[in-house]
């Protein structure tokens, strides 16, 4: 049984389309992540849909920070 959760992550840096795609792809490949996306209009905010039993929001944040980005959890939906 999955325990779906959604979190918003704010990324401080201004990223190119290529960089956004890489961040989305890297986060999406984590076990328990269903999707990770940034909207063209809100390029600093990433929405991540994940299974809270498989991965924690702080682990998602760590994955993004491991890519050399300054990021913080904004909240859940």
PDB file of N, CA and C in Angstrom:
ATOM      1  N   UNK A   1       0.840  -1.181   0.000  1.00  0.00           N
ATOM      2  CA  UNK A   1       0.000   0.000   0.000  1.00  0.00           C
ATOM      3  C   UNK A   1       0.885   1.246   0.000  1.00  0.00           C
ATOM      4  N   UNK A   2       0.623   2.155  -0.893  1.00  0.00           N
ATOM      5  CA  UNK A   2       1.430   3.375  -0.948  1.00  0.00           C
ATOM      6  C   UNK A   2       0.827   4.444  -0.040  1.00  0.00           C
ATOM      7  N   UNK A   3       1.671   5.327   0.394  1.00  0.00           N
ATOM      8  CA  UNK A   3       1.286   6.455   1.243  1.00  0.00           C
ATOM      9  C   UNK A   3       1.708   7.720   0.513  1.00  0.00           C
ATOM     10  N   UNK A   4       0.882   8.128  -0.449  1.00  0.00           N
ATOM     11  CA  UNK A   4       1.228   9.258  -1.304  1.00  0.00           C
ATOM     12  C   UNK A   4       1.311  10.549  -0.518  1.00  0.00           C
ATOM     13  N   UNK A   5       2.325  11.323  -0.852  1.00  0.00           N
ATOM     14  CA  UNK A   5       2.522  12.644  -0.277  1.00  0.00           C
ATOM     15  C   UNK A   5       3.046  13.545  -1.388  1.00  0.00           C
ATOM     16  N   UNK A   6       2.845  14.827  -1.216  1.00  0.00           N
ATOM     17  CA  UNK A   6       3.336  15.804  -2.187  1.00  0.00           C
ATOM     18  C   UNK A   6       4.021  16.912  -1.398  1.00  0.00           C
ATOM     19  N   UNK A   7       5.201  17.286  -1.852  1.00  0.00           N
ATOM     20  CA  UNK A   7       5.949  18.356  -1.197  1.00  0.00           C
ATOM     21  C   UNK A   7       6.406  19.369  -2.246  1.00  0.00           C
ATOM     22  N   UNK A   8       6.513  20.612  -1.816  1.00  0.00           N
ATOM     23  CA  UNK A   8       7.051  21.672  -2.671  1.00  0.00           C
ATOM     24  C   UNK A   8       8.432  22.021  -2.158  1.00  0.00           C
ATOM     25  N   UNK A   9       9.386  22.086  -3.079  1.00  0.00           N
ATOM     26  CA  UNK A   9      10.765  22.435  -2.751  1.00  0.00           C
ATOM     27  C   UNK A   9      11.111  23.727  -3.480  1.00  0.00           C
ATOM     28  N   UNK A  10      11.651  24.696  -2.748  1.00  0.00           N
ATOM     29  CA  UNK A  10      12.112  25.943  -3.361  1.00  0.00           C
ATOM     30  C   UNK A  10      13.596  25.812  -3.640  1.00  0.00           C
ATOM     31  N   UNK A  11      13.989  26.091  -4.886  1.00  0.00           N
ATOM     32  CA  UNK A  11      15.393  26.070  -5.297  1.00  0.00           C
ATOM     33  C   UNK A  11      15.814  27.512  -5.543  1.00  0.00           C
ATOM     34  N   UNK A  12      16.874  27.946  -4.854  1.00  0.00           N
ATOM     35  CA  UNK A  12      17.306  29.341  -4.915  1.00  0.00           C
ATOM     36  C   UNK A  12      17.862  29.747  -6.276  1.00  0.00           C
ATOM     37  N   UNK A  13      18.605  28.856  -6.897  1.00  0.00           N
ATOM     38  CA  UNK A  13      19.275  29.186  -8.146  1.00  0.00           C
ATOM     39  C   UNK A  13      18.296  29.350  -9.304  1.00  0.00           C
ATOM     40  N   UNK A  14      18.693  30.178 -10.268  1.00  0.00           N
ATOM     41  CA  UNK A  14      17.959  30.292 -11.526  1.00  0.00           C
ATOM     42  C   UNK A  14      18.567  29.264 -12.475  1.00  0.00           C
ATOM     43  N   UNK A  15      17.751  28.304 -12.878  1.00  0.00           N
ATOM     44  CA  UNK A  15      18.239  27.189 -13.684  1.00  0.00           C
ATOM     45  C   UNK A  15      17.797  27.310 -15.132  1.00  0.00           C
ATOM     46  N   UNK A  16      18.639  26.823 -16.025  1.00  0.00           N
ATOM     47  CA  UNK A  16      18.284  26.750 -17.442  1.00  0.00           C
ATOM     48  C   UNK A  16      17.316  25.583 -17.637  1.00  0.00           C
ATOM     49  N   UNK A  17      16.701  25.528 -18.793  1.00  0.00           N
ATOM     50  CA  UNK A  17      15.799  24.413 -19.102  1.00  0.00           C
ATOM     51  C   UNK A  17      16.524  23.076 -18.974  1.00  0.00           C
ATOM     52  N   UNK A  18      17.754  23.022 -19.446  1.00  0.00           N
ATOM     53  CA  UNK A  18      18.561  21.802 -19.379  1.00  0.00           C
ATOM     54  C   UNK A  18      18.803  21.397 -17.920  1.00  0.00           C
ATOM     55  N   UNK A  19      19.157  22.362 -17.076  1.00  0.00           N
ATOM     56  CA  UNK A  19      19.408  22.077 -15.664  1.00  0.00           C
ATOM     57  C   UNK A  19      18.132  21.625 -14.948  1.00  0.00           C
ATOM     58  N   UNK A  20      17.018  22.263 -15.266  1.00  0.00           N
ATOM     59  CA  UNK A  20      15.741  21.856 -14.686  1.00  0.00           C
ATOM     60  C   UNK A  20      15.436  20.412 -15.052  1.00  0.00           C
ATOM     61  N   UNK A  21      15.609  20.076 -16.316  1.00  0.00           N
ATOM     62  CA  UNK A  21      15.356  18.703 -16.768  1.00  0.00           C
ATOM     63  C   UNK A  21      16.228  17.713 -15.991  1.00  0.00           C
ATOM     64  N   UNK A  22      17.500  18.048 -15.784  1.00  0.00           N
ATOM     65  CA  UNK A  22      18.396  17.153 -15.053  1.00  0.00           C
ATOM     66  C   UNK A  22      17.971  16.976 -13.599  1.00  0.00           C
ATOM     67  N   UNK A  23      17.583  18.059 -12.949  1.00  0.00           N
ATOM     68  CA  UNK A  23      17.138  17.972 -11.556  1.00  0.00           C
ATOM     69  C   UNK A  23      15.870  17.125 -11.476  1.00  0.00           C
ATOM     70  N   UNK A  24      14.916  17.388 -12.354  1.00  0.00           N
ATOM     71  CA  UNK A  24      13.675  16.601 -12.379  1.00  0.00           C
ATOM     72  C   UNK A  24      13.977  15.114 -12.586  1.00  0.00           C
ATOM     73  N   UNK A  25      14.843  14.814 -13.530  1.00  0.00           N
ATOM     74  CA  UNK A  25      15.179  13.423 -13.832  1.00  0.00           C
ATOM     75  C   UNK A  25      15.864  12.758 -12.640  1.00  0.00           C
ATOM     76  N   UNK A  26      16.820  13.454 -12.036  1.00  0.00           N
ATOM     77  CA  UNK A  26      17.551  12.874 -10.906  1.00  0.00           C
ATOM     78  C   UNK A  26      16.638  12.603  -9.717  1.00  0.00           C
ATOM     79  N   UNK A  27      15.741  13.506  -9.427  1.00  0.00           N
ATOM     80  CA  UNK A  27      14.814  13.296  -8.312  1.00  0.00           C
ATOM     81  C   UNK A  27      13.821  12.191  -8.657  1.00  0.00           C
ATOM     82  N   UNK A  28      13.341  12.173  -9.886  1.00  0.00           N
ATOM     83  CA  UNK A  28      12.341  11.179 -10.313  1.00  0.00           C
ATOM     84  C   UNK A  28      12.855   9.749 -10.248  1.00  0.00           C
ATOM     85  N   UNK A  29      14.165   9.566 -10.321  1.00  0.00           N
ATOM     86  CA  UNK A  29      14.714   8.214 -10.316  1.00  0.00           C
ATOM     87  C   UNK A  29      14.902   7.659  -8.905  1.00  0.00           C
ATOM     88  N   UNK A  30      14.659   8.464  -7.884  1.00  0.00           N
ATOM     89  CA  UNK A  30      14.757   7.981  -6.506  1.00  0.00           C
ATOM     90  C   UNK A  30      13.633   6.979  -6.235  1.00  0.00           C
ATOM     91  N   UNK A  31      13.959   5.919  -5.506  1.00  0.00           N
ATOM     92  CA  UNK A  31      12.934   4.943  -5.122  1.00  0.00           C
ATOM     93  C   UNK A  31      11.844   5.639  -4.327  1.00  0.00           C
ATOM     94  N   UNK A  32      10.610   5.389  -4.696  1.00  0.00           N
ATOM     95  CA  UNK A  32       9.475   5.968  -3.994  1.00  0.00           C
ATOM     96  C   UNK A  32       8.958   7.260  -4.585  1.00  0.00           C
ATOM     97  N   UNK A  33       9.683   7.839  -5.539  1.00  0.00           N
ATOM     98  CA  UNK A  33       9.228   9.091  -6.161  1.00  0.00           C
ATOM     99  C   UNK A  33       8.383   8.746  -7.379  1.00  0.00           C
ATOM    100  N   UNK A  34       7.171   9.305  -7.425  1.00  0.00           N
ATOM    101  CA  UNK A  34       6.275   9.082  -8.559  1.00  0.00           C
ATOM    102  C   UNK A  34       6.522  10.112  -9.653  1.00  0.00           C
ATOM    103  N   UNK A  35       6.750  11.365  -9.259  1.00  0.00           N
ATOM    104  CA  UNK A  35       7.043  12.415 -10.241  1.00  0.00           C
ATOM    105  C   UNK A  35       7.693  13.593  -9.549  1.00  0.00           C
ATOM    106  N   UNK A  36       8.439  14.347 -10.343  1.00  0.00           N
ATOM    107  CA  UNK A  36       9.073  15.579  -9.879  1.00  0.00           C
ATOM    108  C   UNK A  36       9.043  16.546 -11.048  1.00  0.00           C
ATOM    109  N   UNK A  37       8.468  17.721 -10.838  1.00  0.00           N
ATOM    110  CA  UNK A  37       8.379  18.652 -11.961  1.00  0.00           C
ATOM    111  C   UNK A  37       8.399  20.098 -11.488  1.00  0.00           C
ATOM    112  N   UNK A  38       8.881  20.938 -12.400  1.00  0.00           N
ATOM    113  CA  UNK A  38       8.888  22.372 -12.201  1.00  0.00           C
ATOM    114  C   UNK A  38       8.081  22.975 -13.336  1.00  0.00           C
ATOM    115  N   UNK A  39       7.262  23.941 -13.014  1.00  0.00           N
ATOM    116  CA  UNK A  39       6.442  24.623 -14.008  1.00  0.00           C
ATOM    117  C   UNK A  39       7.253  25.763 -14.616  1.00  0.00           C
ATOM    118  N   UNK A  40       7.044  26.016 -15.897  1.00  0.00           N
ATOM    119  CA  UNK A  40       7.770  27.090 -16.587  1.00  0.00           C
ATOM    120  C   UNK A  40       7.525  28.456 -15.948  1.00  0.00           C
ATOM    121  N   UNK A  41       6.380  28.630 -15.315  1.00  0.00           N
ATOM    122  CA  UNK A  41       6.045  29.920 -14.705  1.00  0.00           C
ATOM    123  C   UNK A  41       6.565  30.049 -13.277  1.00  0.00           C
ATOM    124  N   UNK A  42       6.844  28.923 -12.652  1.00  0.00           N
ATOM    125  CA  UNK A  42       7.356  28.925 -11.281  1.00  0.00           C
ATOM    126  C   UNK A  42       8.650  28.122 -11.236  1.00  0.00           C
ATOM    127  N   UNK A  43       9.657  28.622 -11.905  1.00  0.00           N
ATOM    128  CA  UNK A  43      10.897  27.890 -12.138  1.00  0.00           C
ATOM    129  C   UNK A  43      11.715  27.627 -10.876  1.00  0.00           C
ATOM    130  N   UNK A  44      11.372  28.229  -9.768  1.00  0.00           N
ATOM    131  CA  UNK A  44      12.107  27.990  -8.528  1.00  0.00           C
ATOM    132  C   UNK A  44      11.418  26.958  -7.642  1.00  0.00           C
ATOM    133  N   UNK A  45      10.228  26.519  -8.055  1.00  0.00           N
ATOM    134  CA  UNK A  45       9.464  25.587  -7.227  1.00  0.00           C
ATOM    135  C   UNK A  45       9.342  24.231  -7.907  1.00  0.00           C
ATOM    136  N   UNK A  46       9.728  23.206  -7.193  1.00  0.00           N
ATOM    137  CA  UNK A  46       9.583  21.839  -7.688  1.00  0.00           C
ATOM    138  C   UNK A  46       8.510  21.141  -6.863  1.00  0.00           C
ATOM    139  N   UNK A  47       7.609  20.480  -7.531  1.00  0.00           N
ATOM    140  CA  UNK A  47       6.579  19.682  -6.869  1.00  0.00           C
ATOM    141  C   UNK A  47       6.969  18.218  -7.015  1.00  0.00           C
ATOM    142  N   UNK A  48       7.044  17.531  -5.883  1.00  0.00           N
ATOM    143  CA  UNK A  48       7.443  16.130  -5.886  1.00  0.00           C
ATOM    144  C   UNK A  48       6.317  15.300  -5.276  1.00  0.00           C
ATOM    145  N   UNK A  49       5.864  14.320  -6.034  1.00  0.00           N
ATOM    146  CA  UNK A  49       4.848  13.362  -5.602  1.00  0.00           C
ATOM    147  C   UNK A  49       5.595  12.071  -5.260  1.00  0.00           C
ATOM    148  N   UNK A  50       5.415  11.600  -4.029  1.00  0.00           N
ATOM    149  CA  UNK A  50       6.215  10.458  -3.588  1.00  0.00           C
ATOM    150  C   UNK A  50       5.462   9.603  -2.575  1.00  0.00           C
ATOM    151  N   UNK A  51       6.011   8.417  -2.321  1.00  0.00           N
ATOM    152  CA  UNK A  51       5.471   7.495  -1.331  1.00  0.00           C
ATOM    153  C   UNK A  51       6.237   7.729  -0.033  1.00  0.00           C
ATOM    154  N   UNK A  52       5.557   8.281   0.961  1.00  0.00           N
ATOM    155  CA  UNK A  52       6.196   8.652   2.220  1.00  0.00           C
ATOM    156  C   UNK A  52       6.708   7.448   3.017  1.00  0.00           C
ATOM    157  N   UNK A  53       6.258   6.248   2.680  1.00  0.00           N
ATOM    158  CA  UNK A  53       6.768   5.038   3.340  1.00  0.00           C
ATOM    159  C   UNK A  53       8.120   4.618   2.756  1.00  0.00           C
ATOM    160  N   UNK A  54       8.401   5.043   1.525  1.00  0.00           N
ATOM    161  CA  UNK A  54       9.641   4.643   0.865  1.00  0.00           C
ATOM    162  C   UNK A  54      10.736   5.703   0.954  1.00  0.00           C
ATOM    163  N   UNK A  55      10.357   6.963   1.008  1.00  0.00           N
ATOM    164  CA  UNK A  55      11.341   8.038   1.040  1.00  0.00           C
ATOM    165  C   UNK A  55      10.747   9.205   1.827  1.00  0.00           C
ATOM    166  N   UNK A  56      11.588   9.891   2.548  1.00  0.00           N
ATOM    167  CA  UNK A  56      11.157  11.031   3.369  1.00  0.00           C
ATOM    168  C   UNK A  56      11.469  12.336   2.650  1.00  0.00           C
ATOM    169  N   UNK A  57      10.728  13.369   2.999  1.00  0.00           N
ATOM    170  CA  UNK A  57      10.929  14.667   2.340  1.00  0.00           C
ATOM    171  C   UNK A  57      12.344  15.199   2.551  1.00  0.00           C
ATOM    172  N   UNK A  58      12.936  14.940   3.713  1.00  0.00           N
ATOM    173  CA  UNK A  58      14.306  15.410   3.946  1.00  0.00           C
ATOM    174  C   UNK A  58      15.306  14.672   3.060  1.00  0.00           C
ATOM    175  N   UNK A  59      14.994  13.435   2.698  1.00  0.00           N
ATOM    176  CA  UNK A  59      15.852  12.701   1.767  1.00  0.00           C
ATOM    177  C   UNK A  59      15.754  13.318   0.368  1.00  0.00           C
ATOM    178  N   UNK A  60      14.542  13.721  -0.032  1.00  0.00           N
ATOM    179  CA  UNK A  60      14.368  14.389  -1.317  1.00  0.00           C
ATOM    180  C   UNK A  60      15.167  15.689  -1.334  1.00  0.00           C
ATOM    181  N   UNK A  61      15.076  16.436  -0.251  1.00  0.00           N
ATOM    182  CA  UNK A  61      15.823  17.687  -0.145  1.00  0.00           C
ATOM    183  C   UNK A  61      17.326  17.422  -0.245  1.00  0.00           C
ATOM    184  N   UNK A  62      17.784  16.390   0.427  1.00  0.00           N
ATOM    185  CA  UNK A  62      19.201  16.024   0.362  1.00  0.00           C
ATOM    186  C   UNK A  62      19.639  15.659  -1.040  1.00  0.00           C
ATOM    187  N   UNK A  63      18.775  14.979  -1.778  1.00  0.00           N
ATOM    188  CA  UNK A  63      19.104  14.598  -3.150  1.00  0.00           C
ATOM    189  C   UNK A  63      19.289  15.846  -4.009  1.00  0.00           C
ATOM    190  N   UNK A  64      18.414  16.827  -3.831  1.00  0.00           N
ATOM    191  CA  UNK A  64      18.509  18.073  -4.603  1.00  0.00           C
ATOM    192  C   UNK A  64      19.764  18.843  -4.199  1.00  0.00           C
ATOM    193  N   UNK A  65      20.034  18.913  -2.916  1.00  0.00           N
ATOM    194  CA  UNK A  65      21.229  19.621  -2.443  1.00  0.00           C
ATOM    195  C   UNK A  65      22.506  18.939  -2.898  1.00  0.00           C
ATOM    196  N   UNK A  66      22.464  17.616  -3.043  1.00  0.00           N
ATOM    197  CA  UNK A  66      23.653  16.885  -3.498  1.00  0.00           C
ATOM    198  C   UNK A  66      24.023  17.246  -4.938  1.00  0.00           C
ATOM    199  N   UNK A  67      23.100  17.890  -5.633  1.00  0.00           N
ATOM    200  CA  UNK A  67      23.366  18.347  -7.001  1.00  0.00           C
ATOM    201  C   UNK A  67      23.981  19.747  -7.006  1.00  0.00           C
ATOM    202  N   UNK A  68      24.346  20.232  -5.812  1.00  0.00           N
ATOM    203  CA  UNK A  68      24.998  21.530  -5.696  1.00  0.00           C
ATOM    204  C   UNK A  68      24.028  22.700  -5.649  1.00  0.00           C
ATOM    205  N   UNK A  69      22.763  22.425  -5.320  1.00  0.00           N
ATOM    206  CA  UNK A  69      21.746  23.475  -5.315  1.00  0.00           C
ATOM    207  C   UNK A  69      21.372  23.845  -3.881  1.00  0.00           C
ATOM    208  N   UNK A  70      21.022  25.108  -3.688  1.00  0.00           N
ATOM    209  CA  UNK A  70      20.492  25.578  -2.416  1.00  0.00           C
ATOM    210  C   UNK A  70      18.983  25.415  -2.482  1.00  0.00           C
ATOM    211  N   UNK A  71      18.449  24.599  -1.597  1.00  0.00           N
ATOM    212  CA  UNK A  71      17.020  24.300  -1.647  1.00  0.00           C
ATOM    213  C   UNK A  71      16.473  24.172  -0.231  1.00  0.00           C
ATOM    214  N   UNK A  72      15.168  24.395  -0.111  1.00  0.00           N
ATOM    215  CA  UNK A  72      14.491  24.201   1.172  1.00  0.00           C
ATOM    216  C   UNK A  72      13.076  23.713   0.933  1.00  0.00           C
ATOM    217  N   UNK A  73      12.574  22.963   1.899  1.00  0.00           N
ATOM    218  CA  UNK A  73      11.198  22.484   1.826  1.00  0.00           C
ATOM    219  C   UNK A  73      10.278  23.644   2.131  1.00  0.00           C
ATOM    220  N   UNK A  74       9.271  23.837   1.283  1.00  0.00           N
ATOM    221  CA  UNK A  74       8.293  24.900   1.483  1.00  0.00           C
ATOM    222  C   UNK A  74       7.078  24.349   2.213  1.00  0.00           C
ATOM    223  N   UNK A  75       6.639  23.187   1.829  1.00  0.00           N
ATOM    224  CA  UNK A  75       5.492  22.573   2.473  1.00  0.00           C
ATOM    225  C   UNK A  75       4.878  21.498   1.607  1.00  0.00           C
ATOM    226  N   UNK A  76       3.859  20.897   2.143  1.00  0.00           N
ATOM    227  CA  UNK A  76       3.162  19.837   1.420  1.00  0.00           C
ATOM    228  C   UNK A  76       1.856  20.335   0.848  1.00  0.00           C
ATOM    229  N   UNK A  77       1.336  19.539  -0.033  1.00  0.00           N
ATOM    230  CA  UNK A  77       0.036  19.862  -0.646  1.00  0.00           C
ATOM    231  C   UNK A  77      -0.960  18.844  -0.126  1.00  0.00           C
TER     232      UNK A  77
END
